[in-house]
Amino acid sequence: MACDPVLVDIQAKFKPDLDDLTAAQFDALAEVAAFFVSESAWTDDAKCKYARELIIAHLFKITGQSSAGTTGPITSMKTGQLSVGFGSAGTDSDFNSTVYGKLYLSLVLICFPITIDFC
C-alpha cells in the first residue's frame, strides 16, 4: 500500500532516535499505527505515510525502547539557529509526550481542520 512506512526510510528520517528499532518491533508498531491512521481517511498518500511514521516513532519513544534521547514532555527543540517551542508541558495528552506525537497532532489539525457552525 502507498501509505505503508518502510523500516529503512523511517530510521533514516528520524535518526538517531530509531536506530535501535528492529524489524519485529517495526512490524508490531506499524500494525498499531494503522489503527491511528486510516488510509481511507487521508487523501494524500505522502501525508498518510508520514502520519504513520510519526505514530511509530512516538510509540517507540514512549515505550522506552529507544536508547537515544529522553522520554517525557518535550517543550522545545533546537537545531542550529532554528528553535521551536511547543508550549506548556502540563498537559496529560500522551501525544504531547514526544516531539513525534506533537508533530502527528499538528499534521492531523492541518489535514482535518475542525469547523464549528454556530447557527
PDB file of N, CA and C in Angstrom:
ATOM      1  N   MET A   1       0.836  -1.185   0.000  1.00  0.00           N
ATOM      2  CA  MET A   1       0.000   0.000   0.000  1.00  0.00           C
ATOM      3  C   MET A   1       0.878   1.245   0.000  1.00  0.00           C
ATOM      4  N   ALA A   2       0.410   2.279  -0.607  1.00  0.00           N
ATOM      5  CA  ALA A   2       1.184   3.513  -0.733  1.00  0.00           C
ATOM      6  C   ALA A   2       1.408   4.208   0.607  1.00  0.00           C
ATOM      7  N   CYS A   3       0.555   3.916   1.560  1.00  0.00           N
ATOM      8  CA  CYS A   3       0.616   4.591   2.858  1.00  0.00           C
ATOM      9  C   CYS A   3       1.519   3.869   3.858  1.00  0.00           C
ATOM     10  N   ASP A   4       1.970   2.672   3.537  1.00  0.00           N
ATOM     11  CA  ASP A   4       2.753   1.885   4.481  1.00  0.00           C
ATOM     12  C   ASP A   4       4.192   2.388   4.601  1.00  0.00           C
ATOM     13  N   PRO A   5       4.645   2.634   5.832  1.00  0.00           N
ATOM     14  CA  PRO A   5       6.022   3.055   6.044  1.00  0.00           C
ATOM     15  C   PRO A   5       7.009   1.915   5.772  1.00  0.00           C
ATOM     16  N   VAL A   6       8.254   2.262   5.537  1.00  0.00           N
ATOM     17  CA  VAL A   6       9.327   1.301   5.304  1.00  0.00           C
ATOM     18  C   VAL A   6      10.377   1.511   6.395  1.00  0.00           C
ATOM     19  N   LEU A   7      10.861   0.415   6.983  1.00  0.00           N
ATOM     20  CA  LEU A   7      11.780   0.489   8.114  1.00  0.00           C
ATOM     21  C   LEU A   7      13.007   1.351   7.836  1.00  0.00           C
ATOM     22  N   VAL A   8      13.703   1.114   6.743  1.00  0.00           N
ATOM     23  CA  VAL A   8      14.935   1.880   6.487  1.00  0.00           C
ATOM     24  C   VAL A   8      14.640   3.356   6.257  1.00  0.00           C
ATOM     25  N   ASP A   9      13.489   3.659   5.659  1.00  0.00           N
ATOM     26  CA  ASP A   9      13.111   5.061   5.450  1.00  0.00           C
ATOM     27  C   ASP A   9      12.881   5.779   6.776  1.00  0.00           C
ATOM     28  N   ILE A  10      12.151   5.128   7.667  1.00  0.00           N
ATOM     29  CA  ILE A  10      11.818   5.769   8.941  1.00  0.00           C
ATOM     30  C   ILE A  10      13.056   5.901   9.825  1.00  0.00           C
ATOM     31  N   GLN A  11      13.964   4.920   9.771  1.00  0.00           N
ATOM     32  CA  GLN A  11      15.195   5.030  10.554  1.00  0.00           C
ATOM     33  C   GLN A  11      16.057   6.187  10.059  1.00  0.00           C
ATOM     34  N   ALA A  12      16.122   6.359   8.750  1.00  0.00           N
ATOM     35  CA  ALA A  12      16.908   7.460   8.189  1.00  0.00           C
ATOM     36  C   ALA A  12      16.272   8.809   8.503  1.00  0.00           C
ATOM     37  N   LYS A  13      14.940   8.865   8.448  1.00  0.00           N
ATOM     38  CA  LYS A  13      14.227  10.121   8.667  1.00  0.00           C
ATOM     39  C   LYS A  13      14.329  10.595  10.117  1.00  0.00           C
ATOM     40  N   PHE A  14      14.273   9.677  11.051  1.00  0.00           N
ATOM     41  CA  PHE A  14      14.249  10.036  12.467  1.00  0.00           C
ATOM     42  C   PHE A  14      15.515   9.591  13.202  1.00  0.00           C
ATOM     43  N   LYS A  15      16.631   9.664  12.513  1.00  0.00           N
ATOM     44  CA  LYS A  15      17.927   9.287  13.077  1.00  0.00           C
ATOM     45  C   LYS A  15      18.318  10.280  14.159  1.00  0.00           C
ATOM     46  N   PRO A  16      18.855   9.945  15.280  1.00  0.00           N
ATOM     47  CA  PRO A  16      19.243   8.609  15.742  1.00  0.00           C
ATOM     48  C   PRO A  16      18.184   7.931  16.598  1.00  0.00           C
ATOM     49  N   ASP A  17      17.031   8.567  16.790  1.00  0.00           N
ATOM     50  CA  ASP A  17      16.023   8.048  17.715  1.00  0.00           C
ATOM     51  C   ASP A  17      15.552   6.634  17.392  1.00  0.00           C
ATOM     52  N   LEU A  18      15.550   6.257  16.139  1.00  0.00           N
ATOM     53  CA  LEU A  18      15.032   4.945  15.771  1.00  0.00           C
ATOM     54  C   LEU A  18      16.126   3.969  15.315  1.00  0.00           C
ATOM     55  N   ASP A  19      17.360   4.267  15.625  1.00  0.00           N
ATOM     56  CA  ASP A  19      18.464   3.374  15.255  1.00  0.00           C
ATOM     57  C   ASP A  19      18.301   1.977  15.852  1.00  0.00           C
ATOM     58  N   ASP A  20      17.741   1.890  17.042  1.00  0.00           N
ATOM     59  CA  ASP A  20      17.595   0.599  17.733  1.00  0.00           C
ATOM     60  C   ASP A  20      16.324  -0.153  17.337  1.00  0.00           C
ATOM     61  N   LEU A  21      15.518   0.403  16.477  1.00  0.00           N
ATOM     62  CA  LEU A  21      14.250  -0.216  16.068  1.00  0.00           C
ATOM     63  C   LEU A  21      14.527  -1.457  15.215  1.00  0.00           C
ATOM     64  N   THR A  22      14.074  -2.614  15.699  1.00  0.00           N
ATOM     65  CA  THR A  22      14.273  -3.858  14.953  1.00  0.00           C
ATOM     66  C   THR A  22      13.119  -4.067  13.979  1.00  0.00           C
ATOM     67  N   ALA A  23      13.290  -4.997  13.057  1.00  0.00           N
ATOM     68  CA  ALA A  23      12.235  -5.301  12.079  1.00  0.00           C
ATOM     69  C   ALA A  23      10.981  -5.807  12.779  1.00  0.00           C
ATOM     70  N   ALA A  24      11.136  -6.634  13.798  1.00  0.00           N
ATOM     71  CA  ALA A  24       9.976  -7.164  14.530  1.00  0.00           C
ATOM     72  C   ALA A  24       9.230  -6.054  15.268  1.00  0.00           C
ATOM     73  N   GLN A  25       9.981  -5.156  15.913  1.00  0.00           N
ATOM     74  CA  GLN A  25       9.355  -4.024  16.601  1.00  0.00           C
ATOM     75  C   GLN A  25       8.648  -3.122  15.598  1.00  0.00           C
ATOM     76  N   PHE A  26       9.313  -2.866  14.478  1.00  0.00           N
ATOM     77  CA  PHE A  26       8.730  -2.020  13.437  1.00  0.00           C
ATOM     78  C   PHE A  26       7.407  -2.608  12.951  1.00  0.00           C
ATOM     79  N   ASP A  27       7.393  -3.904  12.666  1.00  0.00           N
ATOM     80  CA  ASP A  27       6.172  -4.546  12.183  1.00  0.00           C
ATOM     81  C   ASP A  27       5.034  -4.417  13.192  1.00  0.00           C
ATOM     82  N   ALA A  28       5.348  -4.631  14.471  1.00  0.00           N
ATOM     83  CA  ALA A  28       4.329  -4.529  15.522  1.00  0.00           C
ATOM     84  C   ALA A  28       3.815  -3.093  15.659  1.00  0.00           C
ATOM     85  N   LEU A  29       4.723  -2.127  15.647  1.00  0.00           N
ATOM     86  CA  LEU A  29       4.321  -0.728  15.778  1.00  0.00           C
ATOM     87  C   LEU A  29       3.587  -0.230  14.536  1.00  0.00           C
ATOM     88  N   ALA A  30       3.980  -0.715  13.365  1.00  0.00           N
ATOM     89  CA  ALA A  30       3.300  -0.324  12.128  1.00  0.00           C
ATOM     90  C   ALA A  30       1.861  -0.826  12.132  1.00  0.00           C
ATOM     91  N   GLU A  31       1.653  -1.998  12.702  1.00  0.00           N
ATOM     92  CA  GLU A  31       0.293  -2.536  12.802  1.00  0.00           C
ATOM     93  C   GLU A  31      -0.569  -1.653  13.702  1.00  0.00           C
ATOM     94  N   VAL A  32      -0.004  -1.206  14.813  1.00  0.00           N
ATOM     95  CA  VAL A  32      -0.728  -0.308  15.720  1.00  0.00           C
ATOM     96  C   VAL A  32      -0.965   1.041  15.040  1.00  0.00           C
ATOM     97  N   ALA A  33       0.047   1.553  14.347  1.00  0.00           N
ATOM     98  CA  ALA A  33      -0.077   2.852  13.674  1.00  0.00           C
ATOM     99  C   ALA A  33      -1.204   2.852  12.649  1.00  0.00           C
ATOM    100  N   ALA A  34      -1.449   1.712  12.022  1.00  0.00           N
ATOM    101  CA  ALA A  34      -2.528   1.615  11.035  1.00  0.00           C
ATOM    102  C   ALA A  34      -3.896   1.855  11.674  1.00  0.00           C
ATOM    103  N   PHE A  35      -4.027   1.561  12.971  1.00  0.00           N
ATOM    104  CA  PHE A  35      -5.287   1.828  13.669  1.00  0.00           C
ATOM    105  C   PHE A  35      -5.493   3.330  13.881  1.00  0.00           C
ATOM    106  N   PHE A  36      -4.409   4.058  14.091  1.00  0.00           N
ATOM    107  CA  PHE A  36      -4.485   5.501  14.303  1.00  0.00           C
ATOM    108  C   PHE A  36      -4.662   6.264  12.993  1.00  0.00           C
ATOM    109  N   VAL A  37      -4.109   5.733  11.915  1.00  0.00           N
ATOM    110  CA  VAL A  37      -4.100   6.439  10.633  1.00  0.00           C
ATOM    111  C   VAL A  37      -4.726   5.554   9.572  1.00  0.00           C
ATOM    112  N   SER A  38      -5.993   5.792   9.304  1.00  0.00           N
ATOM    113  CA  SER A  38      -6.721   5.023   8.301  1.00  0.00           C
ATOM    114  C   SER A  38      -6.412   5.555   6.909  1.00  0.00           C
ATOM    115  N   GLU A  39      -6.004   4.662   6.042  1.00  0.00           N
ATOM    116  CA  GLU A  39      -5.653   5.065   4.677  1.00  0.00           C
ATOM    117  C   GLU A  39      -6.843   5.692   3.946  1.00  0.00           C
ATOM    118  N   SER A  40      -8.040   5.231   4.253  1.00  0.00           N
ATOM    119  CA  SER A  40      -9.225   5.750   3.558  1.00  0.00           C
ATOM    120  C   SER A  40      -9.578   7.179   3.988  1.00  0.00           C
ATOM    121  N   ALA A  41      -9.127   7.596   5.165  1.00  0.00           N
ATOM    122  CA  ALA A  41      -9.443   8.940   5.650  1.00  0.00           C
ATOM    123  C   ALA A  41      -8.495  10.002   5.108  1.00  0.00           C
ATOM    124  N   TRP A  42      -7.301   9.592   4.710  1.00  0.00           N
ATOM    125  CA  TRP A  42      -6.287  10.542   4.240  1.00  0.00           C
ATOM    126  C   TRP A  42      -6.316  10.580   2.721  1.00  0.00           C
ATOM    127  N   THR A  43      -6.433  11.754   2.148  1.00  0.00           N
ATOM    128  CA  THR A  43      -6.490  11.889   0.696  1.00  0.00           C
ATOM    129  C   THR A  43      -5.111  11.969   0.055  1.00  0.00           C
ATOM    130  N   ASP A  44      -4.094  12.176   0.842  1.00  0.00           N
ATOM    131  CA  ASP A  44      -2.726  12.314   0.346  1.00  0.00           C
ATOM    132  C   ASP A  44      -1.887  11.165   0.899  1.00  0.00           C
ATOM    133  N   ASP A  45      -1.394  10.286   0.019  1.00  0.00           N
ATOM    134  CA  ASP A  45      -0.615   9.128   0.453  1.00  0.00           C
ATOM    135  C   ASP A  45       0.647   9.520   1.204  1.00  0.00           C
ATOM    136  N   ALA A  46       1.309  10.588   0.785  1.00  0.00           N
ATOM    137  CA  ALA A  46       2.548  11.016   1.441  1.00  0.00           C
ATOM    138  C   ALA A  46       2.269  11.458   2.880  1.00  0.00           C
ATOM    139  N   LYS A  47       1.185  12.200   3.096  1.00  0.00           N
ATOM    140  CA  LYS A  47       0.841  12.637   4.449  1.00  0.00           C
ATOM    141  C   LYS A  47       0.390  11.465   5.304  1.00  0.00           C
ATOM    142  N   CYS A  48      -0.312  10.534   4.698  1.00  0.00           N
ATOM    143  CA  CYS A  48      -0.740   9.329   5.406  1.00  0.00           C
ATOM    144  C   CYS A  48       0.470   8.528   5.871  1.00  0.00           C
ATOM    145  N   LYS A  49       1.430   8.343   4.988  1.00  0.00           N
ATOM    146  CA  LYS A  49       2.654   7.611   5.327  1.00  0.00           C
ATOM    147  C   LYS A  49       3.424   8.338   6.426  1.00  0.00           C
ATOM    148  N   TYR A  50       3.555   9.649   6.311  1.00  0.00           N
ATOM    149  CA  TYR A  50       4.261  10.429   7.316  1.00  0.00           C
ATOM    150  C   TYR A  50       3.553  10.338   8.673  1.00  0.00           C
ATOM    151  N   ALA A  51       2.232  10.378   8.662  1.00  0.00           N
ATOM    152  CA  ALA A  51       1.473  10.256   9.910  1.00  0.00           C
ATOM    153  C   ALA A  51       1.746   8.910  10.570  1.00  0.00           C
ATOM    154  N   ARG A  52       1.774   7.846   9.782  1.00  0.00           N
ATOM    155  CA  ARG A  52       2.072   6.521  10.338  1.00  0.00           C
ATOM    156  C   ARG A  52       3.507   6.454  10.856  1.00  0.00           C
ATOM    157  N   GLU A  53       4.425   7.076  10.144  1.00  0.00           N
ATOM    158  CA  GLU A  53       5.824   7.111  10.608  1.00  0.00           C
ATOM    159  C   GLU A  53       5.933   7.836  11.944  1.00  0.00           C
ATOM    160  N   LEU A  54       5.211   8.944  12.073  1.00  0.00           N
ATOM    161  CA  LEU A  54       5.233   9.694  13.329  1.00  0.00           C
ATOM    162  C   LEU A  54       4.661   8.871  14.478  1.00  0.00           C
ATOM    163  N   ILE A  55       3.589   8.131  14.217  1.00  0.00           N
ATOM    164  CA  ILE A  55       2.997   7.278  15.252  1.00  0.00           C
ATOM    165  C   ILE A  55       3.996   6.195  15.666  1.00  0.00           C
ATOM    166  N   ILE A  56       4.645   5.568  14.693  1.00  0.00           N
ATOM    167  CA  ILE A  56       5.636   4.529  15.003  1.00  0.00           C
ATOM    168  C   ILE A  56       6.757   5.110  15.860  1.00  0.00           C
ATOM    169  N   ALA A  57       7.293   6.262  15.461  1.00  0.00           N
ATOM    170  CA  ALA A  57       8.374   6.894  16.218  1.00  0.00           C
ATOM    171  C   ALA A  57       7.900   7.267  17.622  1.00  0.00           C
ATOM    172  N   HIS A  58       6.702   7.808  17.710  1.00  0.00           N
ATOM    173  CA  HIS A  58       6.137   8.194  19.009  1.00  0.00           C
ATOM    174  C   HIS A  58       6.005   6.974  19.926  1.00  0.00           C
ATOM    175  N   LEU A  59       5.412   5.909  19.414  1.00  0.00           N
ATOM    176  CA  LEU A  59       5.217   4.711  20.226  1.00  0.00           C
ATOM    177  C   LEU A  59       6.549   4.093  20.645  1.00  0.00           C
ATOM    178  N   PHE A  60       7.515   4.104  19.747  1.00  0.00           N
ATOM    179  CA  PHE A  60       8.835   3.568  20.063  1.00  0.00           C
ATOM    180  C   PHE A  60       9.478   4.358  21.202  1.00  0.00           C
ATOM    181  N   LYS A  61       9.320   5.673  21.160  1.00  0.00           N
ATOM    182  CA  LYS A  61       9.895   6.523  22.208  1.00  0.00           C
ATOM    183  C   LYS A  61       9.176   6.336  23.551  1.00  0.00           C
ATOM    184  N   ILE A  62       7.844   6.301  23.548  1.00  0.00           N
ATOM    185  CA  ILE A  62       7.133   6.242  24.836  1.00  0.00           C
ATOM    186  C   ILE A  62       7.206   4.867  25.484  1.00  0.00           C
ATOM    187  N   THR A  63       7.479   3.837  24.701  1.00  0.00           N
ATOM    188  CA  THR A  63       7.605   2.507  25.299  1.00  0.00           C
ATOM    189  C   THR A  63       8.993   2.298  25.879  1.00  0.00           C
ATOM    190  N   GLY A  64       9.868   3.291  25.735  1.00  0.00           N
ATOM    191  CA  GLY A  64      11.195   3.220  26.327  1.00  0.00           C
ATOM    192  C   GLY A  64      12.150   2.303  25.595  1.00  0.00           C
ATOM    193  N   GLN A  65      11.830   1.959  24.348  1.00  0.00           N
ATOM    194  CA  GLN A  65      12.673   1.044  23.597  1.00  0.00           C
ATOM    195  C   GLN A  65      13.847   1.755  22.945  1.00  0.00           C
ATOM    196  N   SER A  66      13.752   3.064  22.794  1.00  0.00           N
ATOM    197  CA  SER A  66      14.821   3.820  22.148  1.00  0.00           C
ATOM    198  C   SER A  66      15.878   4.195  23.174  1.00  0.00           C
ATOM    199  N   SER A  67      17.138   3.969  22.823  1.00  0.00           N
ATOM    200  CA  SER A  67      18.219   4.353  23.739  1.00  0.00           C
ATOM    201  C   SER A  67      18.641   5.797  23.516  1.00  0.00           C
ATOM    202  N   ALA A  68      18.173   6.414  22.439  1.00  0.00           N
ATOM    203  CA  ALA A  68      18.539   7.794  22.118  1.00  0.00           C
ATOM    204  C   ALA A  68      17.573   8.763  22.773  1.00  0.00           C
ATOM    205  N   GLY A  69      18.082   9.797  23.343  1.00  0.00           N
ATOM    206  CA  GLY A  69      17.233  10.857  23.884  1.00  0.00           C
ATOM    207  C   GLY A  69      16.513  10.441  25.148  1.00  0.00           C
ATOM    208  N   THR A  70      15.576  11.282  25.536  1.00  0.00           N
ATOM    209  CA  THR A  70      14.810  11.045  26.747  1.00  0.00           C
ATOM    210  C   THR A  70      13.346  10.987  26.409  1.00  0.00           C
ATOM    211  N   THR A  71      12.579  10.395  27.304  1.00  0.00           N
ATOM    212  CA  THR A  71      11.137  10.406  27.141  1.00  0.00           C
ATOM    213  C   THR A  71      10.565  11.412  28.113  1.00  0.00           C
ATOM    214  N   GLY A  72       9.311  11.741  27.943  1.00  0.00           N
ATOM    215  CA  GLY A  72       8.684  12.744  28.782  1.00  0.00           C
ATOM    216  C   GLY A  72       8.280  13.924  27.935  1.00  0.00           C
ATOM    217  N   PRO A  73       7.645  14.883  28.543  1.00  0.00           N
ATOM    218  CA  PRO A  73       7.157  16.025  27.779  1.00  0.00           C
ATOM    219  C   PRO A  73       8.286  16.786  27.095  1.00  0.00           C
ATOM    220  N   ILE A  74       8.091  17.091  25.834  1.00  0.00           N
ATOM    221  CA  ILE A  74       9.041  17.880  25.063  1.00  0.00           C
ATOM    222  C   ILE A  74       8.459  19.290  24.982  1.00  0.00           C
ATOM    223  N   THR A  75       9.221  20.273  25.438  1.00  0.00           N
ATOM    224  CA  THR A  75       8.706  21.638  25.400  1.00  0.00           C
ATOM    225  C   THR A  75       9.363  22.490  24.330  1.00  0.00           C
ATOM    226  N   SER A  76      10.539  22.060  23.827  1.00  0.00           N
ATOM    227  CA  SER A  76      11.189  22.803  22.756  1.00  0.00           C
ATOM    228  C   SER A  76      12.221  21.922  22.060  1.00  0.00           C
ATOM    229  N   MET A  77      12.619  22.360  20.858  1.00  0.00           N
ATOM    230  CA  MET A  77      13.635  21.691  20.062  1.00  0.00           C
ATOM    231  C   MET A  77      14.518  22.751  19.440  1.00  0.00           C
ATOM    232  N   LYS A  78      15.811  22.456  19.300  1.00  0.00           N
ATOM    233  CA  LYS A  78      16.699  23.407  18.647  1.00  0.00           C
ATOM    234  C   LYS A  78      17.643  22.652  17.722  1.00  0.00           C
ATOM    235  N   THR A  79      17.735  23.119  16.483  1.00  0.00           N
ATOM    236  CA  THR A  79      18.677  22.589  15.511  1.00  0.00           C
ATOM    237  C   THR A  79      19.349  23.776  14.858  1.00  0.00           C
ATOM    238  N   GLY A  80      20.652  23.908  15.071  1.00  0.00           N
ATOM    239  CA  GLY A  80      21.354  25.067  14.536  1.00  0.00           C
ATOM    240  C   GLY A  80      20.777  26.343  15.111  1.00  0.00           C
ATOM    241  N   GLN A  81      20.355  27.248  14.227  1.00  0.00           N
ATOM    242  CA  GLN A  81      19.765  28.509  14.674  1.00  0.00           C
ATOM    243  C   GLN A  81      18.248  28.442  14.798  1.00  0.00           C
ATOM    244  N   LEU A  82      17.640  27.330  14.378  1.00  0.00           N
ATOM    245  CA  LEU A  82      16.194  27.181  14.444  1.00  0.00           C
ATOM    246  C   LEU A  82      15.780  26.619  15.794  1.00  0.00           C
ATOM    247  N   SER A  83      14.872  27.313  16.462  1.00  0.00           N
ATOM    248  CA  SER A  83      14.350  26.870  17.745  1.00  0.00           C
ATOM    249  C   SER A  83      12.825  26.894  17.678  1.00  0.00           C
ATOM    250  N   VAL A  84      12.199  25.805  18.129  1.00  0.00           N
ATOM    251  CA  VAL A  84      10.746  25.695  18.109  1.00  0.00           C
ATOM    252  C   VAL A  84      10.268  25.354  19.506  1.00  0.00           C
ATOM    253  N   GLY A  85       9.292  26.107  20.019  1.00  0.00           N
ATOM    254  CA  GLY A  85       8.696  25.828  21.320  1.00  0.00           C
ATOM    255  C   GLY A  85       7.348  25.168  21.141  1.00  0.00           C
ATOM    256  N   PHE A  86       7.011  24.257  22.058  1.00  0.00           N
ATOM    257  CA  PHE A  86       5.759  23.511  21.961  1.00  0.00           C
ATOM    258  C   PHE A  86       4.774  23.840  23.064  1.00  0.00           C
ATOM    259  N   GLY A  87       4.990  24.874  23.803  1.00  0.00           N
ATOM    260  CA  GLY A  87       4.037  25.262  24.832  1.00  0.00           C
ATOM    261  C   GLY A  87       4.288  24.545  26.148  1.00  0.00           C
ATOM    262  N   SER A  88       3.282  24.550  26.980  1.00  0.00           N
ATOM    263  CA  SER A  88       3.375  24.009  28.330  1.00  0.00           C
ATOM    264  C   SER A  88       3.469  22.495  28.348  1.00  0.00           C
ATOM    265  N   ALA A  89       4.230  21.982  29.297  1.00  0.00           N
ATOM    266  CA  ALA A  89       4.353  20.539  29.461  1.00  0.00           C
ATOM    267  C   ALA A  89       3.317  20.009  30.441  1.00  0.00           C
ATOM    268  N   GLY A  90       2.376  20.823  30.844  1.00  0.00           N
ATOM    269  CA  GLY A  90       1.406  20.429  31.847  1.00  0.00           C
ATOM    270  C   GLY A  90       0.227  19.637  31.326  1.00  0.00           C
ATOM    271  N   THR A  91       0.217  19.270  30.070  1.00  0.00           N
ATOM    272  CA  THR A  91      -0.907  18.543  29.503  1.00  0.00           C
ATOM    273  C   THR A  91      -0.813  17.054  29.807  1.00  0.00           C
ATOM    274  N   ASP A  92      -1.966  16.370  29.809  1.00  0.00           N
ATOM    275  CA  ASP A  92      -1.940  14.937  30.072  1.00  0.00           C
ATOM    276  C   ASP A  92      -2.092  14.117  28.793  1.00  0.00           C
ATOM    277  N   SER A  93      -2.081  14.742  27.653  1.00  0.00           N
ATOM    278  CA  SER A  93      -2.201  14.029  26.392  1.00  0.00           C
ATOM    279  C   SER A  93      -0.938  13.230  26.119  1.00  0.00           C
ATOM    280  N   ASP A  94      -1.114  11.951  25.812  1.00  0.00           N
ATOM    281  CA  ASP A  94       0.021  11.085  25.534  1.00  0.00           C
ATOM    282  C   ASP A  94       0.814  11.568  24.325  1.00  0.00           C
ATOM    283  N   PHE A  95       0.140  12.074  23.323  1.00  0.00           N
ATOM    284  CA  PHE A  95       0.836  12.538  22.124  1.00  0.00           C
ATOM    285  C   PHE A  95       1.744  13.724  22.407  1.00  0.00           C
ATOM    286  N   ASN A  96       1.483  14.454  23.458  1.00  0.00           N
ATOM    287  CA  ASN A  96       2.332  15.593  23.807  1.00  0.00           C
ATOM    288  C   ASN A  96       3.600  15.184  24.534  1.00  0.00           C
ATOM    289  N   SER A  97       3.791  13.894  24.755  1.00  0.00           N
ATOM    290  CA  SER A  97       4.968  13.439  25.493  1.00  0.00           C
ATOM    291  C   SER A  97       6.202  13.261  24.614  1.00  0.00           C
ATOM    292  N   THR A  98       6.040  13.307  23.293  1.00  0.00           N
ATOM    293  CA  THR A  98       7.207  13.231  22.399  1.00  0.00           C
ATOM    294  C   THR A  98       7.049  14.248  21.277  1.00  0.00           C
ATOM    295  N   VAL A  99       8.150  14.612  20.671  1.00  0.00           N
ATOM    296  CA  VAL A  99       8.099  15.535  19.541  1.00  0.00           C
ATOM    297  C   VAL A  99       7.342  14.890  18.382  1.00  0.00           C
ATOM    298  N   TYR A 100       7.462  13.575  18.244  1.00  0.00           N
ATOM    299  CA  TYR A 100       6.770  12.881  17.149  1.00  0.00           C
ATOM    300  C   TYR A 100       5.257  12.916  17.345  1.00  0.00           C
ATOM    301  N   GLY A 101       4.812  12.767  18.576  1.00  0.00           N
ATOM    302  CA  GLY A 101       3.384  12.864  18.872  1.00  0.00           C
ATOM    303  C   GLY A 101       2.851  14.262  18.606  1.00  0.00           C
ATOM    304  N   LYS A 102       3.636  15.263  18.965  1.00  0.00           N
ATOM    305  CA  LYS A 102       3.240  16.655  18.720  1.00  0.00           C
ATOM    306  C   LYS A 102       3.156  16.940  17.222  1.00  0.00           C
ATOM    307  N   LEU A 103       4.118  16.414  16.470  1.00  0.00           N
ATOM    308  CA  LEU A 103       4.083  16.598  15.023  1.00  0.00           C
ATOM    309  C   LEU A 103       2.874  15.891  14.413  1.00  0.00           C
ATOM    310  N   TYR A 104       2.549  14.716  14.930  1.00  0.00           N
ATOM    311  CA  TYR A 104       1.370  13.988  14.459  1.00  0.00           C
ATOM    312  C   TYR A 104       0.101  14.805  14.712  1.00  0.00           C
ATOM    313  N   LEU A 105      -0.040  15.336  15.925  1.00  0.00           N
ATOM    314  CA  LEU A 105      -1.217  16.151  16.241  1.00  0.00           C
ATOM    315  C   LEU A 105      -1.303  17.373  15.330  1.00  0.00           C
ATOM    316  N   SER A 106      -0.173  17.997  15.062  1.00  0.00           N
ATOM    317  CA  SER A 106      -0.155  19.157  14.166  1.00  0.00           C
ATOM    318  C   SER A 106      -0.577  18.765  12.761  1.00  0.00           C
ATOM    319  N   LEU A 107      -0.085  17.635  12.290  1.00  0.00           N
ATOM    320  CA  LEU A 107      -0.445  17.155  10.957  1.00  0.00           C
ATOM    321  C   LEU A 107      -1.941  16.859  10.868  1.00  0.00           C
ATOM    322  N   VAL A 108      -2.488  16.252  11.899  1.00  0.00           N
ATOM    323  CA  VAL A 108      -3.928  15.964  11.926  1.00  0.00           C
ATOM    324  C   VAL A 108      -4.729  17.262  11.870  1.00  0.00           C
ATOM    325  N   LEU A 109      -4.318  18.268  12.637  1.00  0.00           N
ATOM    326  CA  LEU A 109      -5.041  19.542  12.631  1.00  0.00           C
ATOM    327  C   LEU A 109      -4.966  20.244  11.282  1.00  0.00           C
ATOM    328  N   ILE A 110      -3.843  20.094  10.594  1.00  0.00           N
ATOM    329  CA  ILE A 110      -3.698  20.693   9.268  1.00  0.00           C
ATOM    330  C   ILE A 110      -4.554  19.959   8.240  1.00  0.00           C
ATOM    331  N   CYS A 111      -4.529  18.642   8.302  1.00  0.00           N
ATOM    332  CA  CYS A 111      -5.235  17.834   7.296  1.00  0.00           C
ATOM    333  C   CYS A 111      -6.729  17.695   7.572  1.00  0.00           C
ATOM    334  N   PHE A 112      -7.115  17.806   8.844  1.00  0.00           N
ATOM    335  CA  PHE A 112      -8.519  17.655   9.226  1.00  0.00           C
ATOM    336  C   PHE A 112      -8.938  18.810  10.129  1.00  0.00           C
ATOM    337  N   PRO A 113      -9.021  20.020   9.567  1.00  0.00           N
ATOM    338  CA  PRO A 113      -9.366  21.178  10.405  1.00  0.00           C
ATOM    339  C   PRO A 113     -10.780  21.042  10.988  1.00  0.00           C
ATOM    340  N   ILE A 114     -10.921  21.529  12.184  1.00  0.00           N
ATOM    341  CA  ILE A 114     -12.204  21.478  12.861  1.00  0.00           C
ATOM    342  C   ILE A 114     -12.973  22.748  12.519  1.00  0.00           C
ATOM    343  N   THR A 115     -14.195  22.586  12.059  1.00  0.00           N
ATOM    344  CA  THR A 115     -15.048  23.750  11.790  1.00  0.00           C
ATOM    345  C   THR A 115     -16.260  23.675  12.708  1.00  0.00           C
ATOM    346  N   ILE A 116     -16.643  24.810  13.200  1.00  0.00           N
ATOM    347  CA  ILE A 116     -17.785  24.890  14.105  1.00  0.00           C
ATOM    348  C   ILE A 116     -18.820  25.807  13.495  1.00  0.00           C
ATOM    349  N   ASP A 117     -20.025  25.311  13.397  1.00  0.00           N
ATOM    350  CA  ASP A 117     -21.123  26.098  12.852  1.00  0.00           C
ATOM    351  C   ASP A 117     -21.986  26.591  14.006  1.00  0.00           C
ATOM    352  N   PHE A 118     -22.085  27.902  14.168  1.00  0.00           N
ATOM    353  CA  PHE A 118     -22.826  28.499  15.267  1.00  0.00           C
ATOM    354  C   PHE A 118     -24.229  28.965  14.848  1.00  0.00           C
ATOM    355  N   CYS A 119     -24.868  28.233  13.985  1.00  0.00           N
ATOM    356  CA  CYS A 119     -26.213  28.606  13.519  1.00  0.00           C
ATOM    357  C   CYS A 119     -27.238  28.515  14.594  1.00  0.00           C
TER     358      CYS A 119
END
